[in-house]
Amino acid sequence: MKQRLLTEFGQGASLRRQDYTQAAKRALQDALWHNSINLAELFGLEKEAMLIDVEVGVQQPDRLDKDALKDIFPYGQVTINAVKGGLDVPRPNGNPTVIASVAINVSLDLEPAQ
């Protein structure tokens, strides 16, 4: 049975290029780079057993390269879901600063407690 054990949040920006994927990568790094997630080992499982569900919020979710975002994760079974969110912050020259928000849920397939 899939059991969520951890949720991490992050935020990232693309200041000038309006690159939604780059903003999302920075948000993922913000969430991940402060942690060492050892959940699988605590349950006697391999790291590849981790089920990683990622929600990415940007104003134009169709412009995300989901495969590029998956490449950030060194292990685990990653699913990326892009939704409308984040912010496009107007700039004087007309090109907005893009801000992405992410939530990363880490789960394991565990037997129910007896």
C-alpha atoms as a PDB file:
ATOM      1  CA  MET A   1       0.000   0.000   0.000  1.00  0.00           C
ATOM      2  CA  LYS A   2       1.434   3.391  -1.009  1.00  0.00           C
ATOM      3  CA  GLN A   3       2.216   5.447   2.104  1.00  0.00           C
ATOM      4  CA  ARG A   4       3.313   9.075   1.867  1.00  0.00           C
ATOM      5  CA  LEU A   5       6.134   9.679   4.320  1.00  0.00           C
ATOM      6  CA  LEU A   6       7.587  13.050   3.389  1.00  0.00           C
ATOM      7  CA  THR A   7       6.620  16.300   1.681  1.00  0.00           C
ATOM      8  CA  GLU A   8       9.099  18.999   0.686  1.00  0.00           C
ATOM      9  CA  PHE A   9       8.383  22.414  -0.847  1.00  0.00           C
ATOM     10  CA  GLY A  10      10.494  24.701  -2.994  1.00  0.00           C
ATOM     11  CA  GLN A  11      10.453  27.841  -5.097  1.00  0.00           C
ATOM     12  CA  GLY A  12      12.593  28.899  -8.044  1.00  0.00           C
ATOM     13  CA  ALA A  13      12.732  31.680 -10.619  1.00  0.00           C
ATOM     14  CA  SER A  14      13.818  32.483 -14.142  1.00  0.00           C
ATOM     15  CA  LEU A  15      14.594  36.163 -13.938  1.00  0.00           C
ATOM     16  CA  ARG A  16      14.993  37.172 -17.580  1.00  0.00           C
ATOM     17  CA  ARG A  17      14.495  34.255 -19.987  1.00  0.00           C
ATOM     18  CA  GLN A  18      10.914  33.258 -19.091  1.00  0.00           C
ATOM     19  CA  ASP A  19      12.154  29.644 -18.865  1.00  0.00           C
ATOM     20  CA  TYR A  20       9.494  27.710 -16.974  1.00  0.00           C
ATOM     21  CA  THR A  21      11.581  24.534 -16.904  1.00  0.00           C
ATOM     22  CA  GLN A  22      14.603  26.344 -15.446  1.00  0.00           C
ATOM     23  CA  ALA A  23      12.438  27.983 -12.783  1.00  0.00           C
ATOM     24  CA  ALA A  24      10.989  24.558 -11.908  1.00  0.00           C
ATOM     25  CA  LYS A  25      14.490  23.001 -11.757  1.00  0.00           C
ATOM     26  CA  ARG A  26      15.554  25.698  -9.319  1.00  0.00           C
ATOM     27  CA  ALA A  27      12.437  25.078  -7.227  1.00  0.00           C
ATOM     28  CA  LEU A  28      13.204  21.340  -7.114  1.00  0.00           C
ATOM     29  CA  GLN A  29      16.793  22.045  -6.124  1.00  0.00           C
ATOM     30  CA  ASP A  30      15.531  24.409  -3.418  1.00  0.00           C
ATOM     31  CA  ALA A  31      13.406  21.599  -2.002  1.00  0.00           C
ATOM     32  CA  LEU A  32      15.981  18.821  -2.351  1.00  0.00           C
ATOM     33  CA  TRP A  33      19.420  20.282  -1.801  1.00  0.00           C
ATOM     34  CA  HIS A  34      18.815  20.974   1.907  1.00  0.00           C
ATOM     35  CA  ASN A  35      17.991  17.352   2.691  1.00  0.00           C
ATOM     36  CA  SER A  36      19.336  13.860   2.553  1.00  0.00           C
ATOM     37  CA  ILE A  37      16.326  11.623   2.139  1.00  0.00           C
ATOM     38  CA  ASN A  38      17.115   8.222   3.644  1.00  0.00           C
ATOM     39  CA  LEU A  39      13.570   6.895   3.949  1.00  0.00           C
ATOM     40  CA  ALA A  40      14.077   3.777   1.854  1.00  0.00           C
ATOM     41  CA  GLU A  41      17.027   2.604   3.937  1.00  0.00           C
ATOM     42  CA  LEU A  42      15.060   3.116   7.153  1.00  0.00           C
ATOM     43  CA  PHE A  43      12.560   0.546   5.882  1.00  0.00           C
ATOM     44  CA  GLY A  44      15.190  -1.841   4.490  1.00  0.00           C
ATOM     45  CA  LEU A  45      14.435  -0.930   0.861  1.00  0.00           C
ATOM     46  CA  GLU A  46      16.553   0.297  -2.033  1.00  0.00           C
ATOM     47  CA  LYS A  47      16.393   4.024  -2.874  1.00  0.00           C
ATOM     48  CA  GLU A  48      14.883   3.124  -6.247  1.00  0.00           C
ATOM     49  CA  ALA A  49      11.776   1.927  -4.348  1.00  0.00           C
ATOM     50  CA  MET A  50      10.886   5.513  -3.425  1.00  0.00           C
ATOM     51  CA  LEU A  51       7.767   6.775  -5.199  1.00  0.00           C
ATOM     52  CA  ILE A  52       8.297  10.479  -5.874  1.00  0.00           C
ATOM     53  CA  ASP A  53       5.271  12.529  -6.913  1.00  0.00           C
ATOM     54  CA  VAL A  54       6.057  16.101  -7.925  1.00  0.00           C
ATOM     55  CA  GLU A  55       3.515  18.911  -8.347  1.00  0.00           C
ATOM     56  CA  VAL A  56       4.899  21.877 -10.288  1.00  0.00           C
ATOM     57  CA  GLY A  57       2.955  25.129 -10.400  1.00  0.00           C
ATOM     58  CA  VAL A  58       3.774  27.628 -13.165  1.00  0.00           C
ATOM     59  CA  GLN A  59       1.622  30.033 -15.138  1.00  0.00           C
ATOM     60  CA  GLN A  60       2.199  28.104 -18.384  1.00  0.00           C
ATOM     61  CA  PRO A  61       2.444  24.400 -17.430  1.00  0.00           C
ATOM     62  CA  ASP A  62       2.460  23.294 -21.090  1.00  0.00           C
ATOM     63  CA  ARG A  63       5.916  24.928 -21.452  1.00  0.00           C
ATOM     64  CA  LEU A  64       7.551  22.568 -18.905  1.00  0.00           C
ATOM     65  CA  ASP A  65       9.965  19.855 -20.039  1.00  0.00           C
ATOM     66  CA  LYS A  66       8.947  17.098 -17.606  1.00  0.00           C
ATOM     67  CA  ASP A  67      11.761  14.766 -18.678  1.00  0.00           C
ATOM     68  CA  ALA A  68      14.351  17.443 -17.864  1.00  0.00           C
ATOM     69  CA  LEU A  69      12.786  17.798 -14.405  1.00  0.00           C
ATOM     70  CA  LYS A  70      12.917  14.030 -13.813  1.00  0.00           C
ATOM     71  CA  ASP A  71      16.659  14.098 -14.530  1.00  0.00           C
ATOM     72  CA  ILE A  72      17.219  16.061 -11.308  1.00  0.00           C
ATOM     73  CA  PHE A  73      16.333  13.010  -9.206  1.00  0.00           C
ATOM     74  CA  PRO A  74      19.232  10.549  -8.807  1.00  0.00           C
ATOM     75  CA  TYR A  75      16.918   7.690  -7.825  1.00  0.00           C
ATOM     76  CA  GLY A  76      13.295   6.788  -7.214  1.00  0.00           C
ATOM     77  CA  GLN A  77      10.276   6.444  -9.466  1.00  0.00           C
ATOM     78  CA  VAL A  78       9.399  10.017 -10.398  1.00  0.00           C
ATOM     79  CA  THR A  79       6.060  11.320 -11.630  1.00  0.00           C
ATOM     80  CA  ILE A  80       5.736  15.000 -12.609  1.00  0.00           C
ATOM     81  CA  ASN A  81       2.345  16.734 -12.617  1.00  0.00           C
ATOM     82  CA  ALA A  82       2.312  20.268 -14.043  1.00  0.00           C
ATOM     83  CA  VAL A  83      -0.468  22.607 -12.935  1.00  0.00           C
ATOM     84  CA  LYS A  84      -1.282  26.283 -13.347  1.00  0.00           C
ATOM     85  CA  GLY A  85       0.261  28.143 -10.433  1.00  0.00           C
ATOM     86  CA  GLY A  86       3.401  30.032  -9.547  1.00  0.00           C
ATOM     87  CA  LEU A  87       3.696  33.624 -10.724  1.00  0.00           C
ATOM     88  CA  ASP A  88       4.640  35.644 -13.768  1.00  0.00           C
ATOM     89  CA  VAL A  89       5.847  38.910 -12.243  1.00  0.00           C
ATOM     90  CA  PRO A  90       5.698  41.845 -14.697  1.00  0.00           C
ATOM     91  CA  ARG A  91       8.925  43.696 -15.480  1.00  0.00           C
ATOM     92  CA  PRO A  92       9.280  47.153 -17.061  1.00  0.00           C
ATOM     93  CA  ASN A  93      10.543  45.713 -20.376  1.00  0.00           C
ATOM     94  CA  GLY A  94       7.433  43.543 -20.767  1.00  0.00           C
ATOM     95  CA  ASN A  95       9.123  40.159 -20.133  1.00  0.00           C
ATOM     96  CA  PRO A  96       7.982  38.739 -16.798  1.00  0.00           C
ATOM     97  CA  THR A  97      10.075  37.053 -14.148  1.00  0.00           C
ATOM     98  CA  VAL A  98       8.814  33.474 -13.909  1.00  0.00           C
ATOM     99  CA  ILE A  99       8.391  31.889 -10.483  1.00  0.00           C
ATOM    100  CA  ALA A 100       7.702  28.170 -10.040  1.00  0.00           C
ATOM    101  CA  SER A 101       6.464  26.433  -6.912  1.00  0.00           C
ATOM    102  CA  VAL A 102       6.891  22.721  -6.270  1.00  0.00           C
ATOM    103  CA  ALA A 103       5.709  20.127  -3.783  1.00  0.00           C
ATOM    104  CA  ILE A 104       7.554  16.817  -3.632  1.00  0.00           C
ATOM    105  CA  ASN A 105       5.804  13.864  -1.985  1.00  0.00           C
ATOM    106  CA  VAL A 106       7.920  10.810  -1.210  1.00  0.00           C
ATOM    107  CA  SER A 107       6.114   7.532  -0.594  1.00  0.00           C
ATOM    108  CA  LEU A 108       6.940   3.866  -0.192  1.00  0.00           C
ATOM    109  CA  ASP A 109       4.876   0.801  -0.953  1.00  0.00           C
ATOM    110  CA  LEU A 110       4.533  -0.612   2.584  1.00  0.00           C
ATOM    111  CA  GLU A 111       2.553  -3.381   4.182  1.00  0.00           C
ATOM    112  CA  PRO A 112      -0.209  -2.084   6.474  1.00  0.00           C
ATOM    113  CA  ALA A 113       0.594  -2.236  10.198  1.00  0.00           C
ATOM    114  CA  GLN A 114      -0.897  -5.238  11.950  1.00  0.00           C
END
